[in-house]
């Protein structure tokens, strides 16, 4: 995170951002009620449940509200 950021949407913000940490929770839901029937860990995923493989965090521009991956803000920060 030692890379300068710039917002690709509002194009003016280079200093105010929110870092959103993503903590996935693998669950099986009851289709009728939506209640959690079973929780999975990385070690005991069922054969029909693919584990989360997205980014650990996302960035939100604190000026316009755009939420995207860190690399998007970093790439735009390099160009400016």
Protein backbone atom coordinates (compact mmCIF):
# COMPACT_ATOMS: atom_id res chain seq x y z
CA UNK A 1 0.00 0.00 0.00
CA UNK A 2 2.94 2.33 -0.52
CA UNK A 3 1.69 3.20 -4.00
CA UNK A 4 0.02 6.56 -4.73
CA UNK A 5 -3.70 6.27 -5.49
CA UNK A 6 -5.98 8.38 -7.65
CA UNK A 7 -9.69 7.87 -8.22
CA UNK A 8 -10.47 6.91 -11.82
CA UNK A 9 -14.05 8.15 -11.44
CA UNK A 10 -13.88 11.65 -9.94
CA UNK A 11 -10.25 12.16 -11.09
CA UNK A 12 -9.51 14.70 -8.34
CA UNK A 13 -9.13 12.62 -5.18
CA UNK A 14 -5.58 11.50 -4.47
CA UNK A 15 -5.65 11.43 -0.67
CA UNK A 16 -8.98 10.30 0.87
CA UNK A 17 -9.81 6.59 0.61
CA UNK A 18 -11.46 3.85 2.64
CA UNK A 19 -9.81 0.42 2.76
CA UNK A 20 -12.46 -2.29 2.94
CA UNK A 21 -11.15 -5.57 4.34
CA UNK A 22 -13.02 -8.56 2.96
CA UNK A 23 -13.47 -11.55 5.25
CA UNK A 24 -15.31 -14.32 3.41
CA UNK A 25 -17.64 -16.64 5.32
CA UNK A 26 -18.51 -19.87 3.52
CA UNK A 27 -22.00 -21.05 4.43
CA UNK A 28 -24.85 -23.25 3.25
CA UNK A 29 -28.27 -21.59 3.51
CA UNK A 30 -31.72 -23.09 3.84
CA UNK A 31 -33.44 -22.19 0.53
CA UNK A 32 -36.82 -21.48 2.16
CA UNK A 33 -35.80 -19.49 5.25
CA UNK A 34 -32.34 -18.19 4.39
CA UNK A 35 -31.01 -19.42 7.74
CA UNK A 36 -27.47 -20.75 7.91
CA UNK A 37 -27.57 -24.55 7.89
CA UNK A 38 -23.83 -25.19 7.83
CA UNK A 39 -20.63 -23.15 8.03
CA UNK A 40 -17.51 -24.22 6.20
CA UNK A 41 -13.85 -23.50 6.78
CA UNK A 42 -11.11 -23.60 4.15
CA UNK A 43 -10.26 -27.08 5.41
CA UNK A 44 -13.73 -28.62 5.21
CA UNK A 45 -15.40 -27.18 2.10
CA UNK A 46 -17.95 -29.52 0.53
CA UNK A 47 -17.24 -30.81 -3.01
CA UNK A 48 -19.93 -28.47 -4.40
CA UNK A 49 -18.68 -25.33 -2.62
CA UNK A 50 -15.89 -23.32 -4.23
CA UNK A 51 -13.81 -21.28 -1.79
CA UNK A 52 -13.51 -17.50 -2.13
CA UNK A 53 -10.63 -16.45 -4.37
CA UNK A 54 -11.18 -12.70 -4.70
CA UNK A 55 -9.08 -9.84 -3.35
CA UNK A 56 -8.42 -9.48 0.40
CA UNK A 57 -9.36 -5.82 0.29
CA UNK A 58 -11.07 -3.24 -1.89
CA UNK A 59 -10.69 0.53 -1.98
CA UNK A 60 -13.44 3.14 -1.83
CA UNK A 61 -12.94 6.73 -2.90
CA UNK A 62 -14.00 8.88 0.06
CA UNK A 63 -14.96 11.72 -2.29
CA UNK A 64 -17.27 10.06 -4.83
CA UNK A 65 -17.89 6.61 -3.32
CA UNK A 66 -16.48 4.42 -6.12
CA UNK A 67 -15.50 0.95 -4.85
CA UNK A 68 -13.00 -1.10 -6.87
CA UNK A 69 -9.89 -3.23 -6.55
CA UNK A 70 -6.71 -1.65 -5.21
CA UNK A 71 -4.87 -2.17 -8.50
CA UNK A 72 -7.37 0.09 -10.30
CA UNK A 73 -6.66 3.03 -7.97
CA UNK A 74 -2.91 2.31 -7.99
CA UNK A 75 -2.70 2.18 -11.81
CA UNK A 76 -4.58 5.45 -12.12
CA UNK A 77 -2.30 6.97 -9.45
CA UNK A 78 0.78 6.03 -11.51
CA UNK A 79 -0.60 7.79 -14.60
CA UNK A 80 -1.26 11.09 -12.82
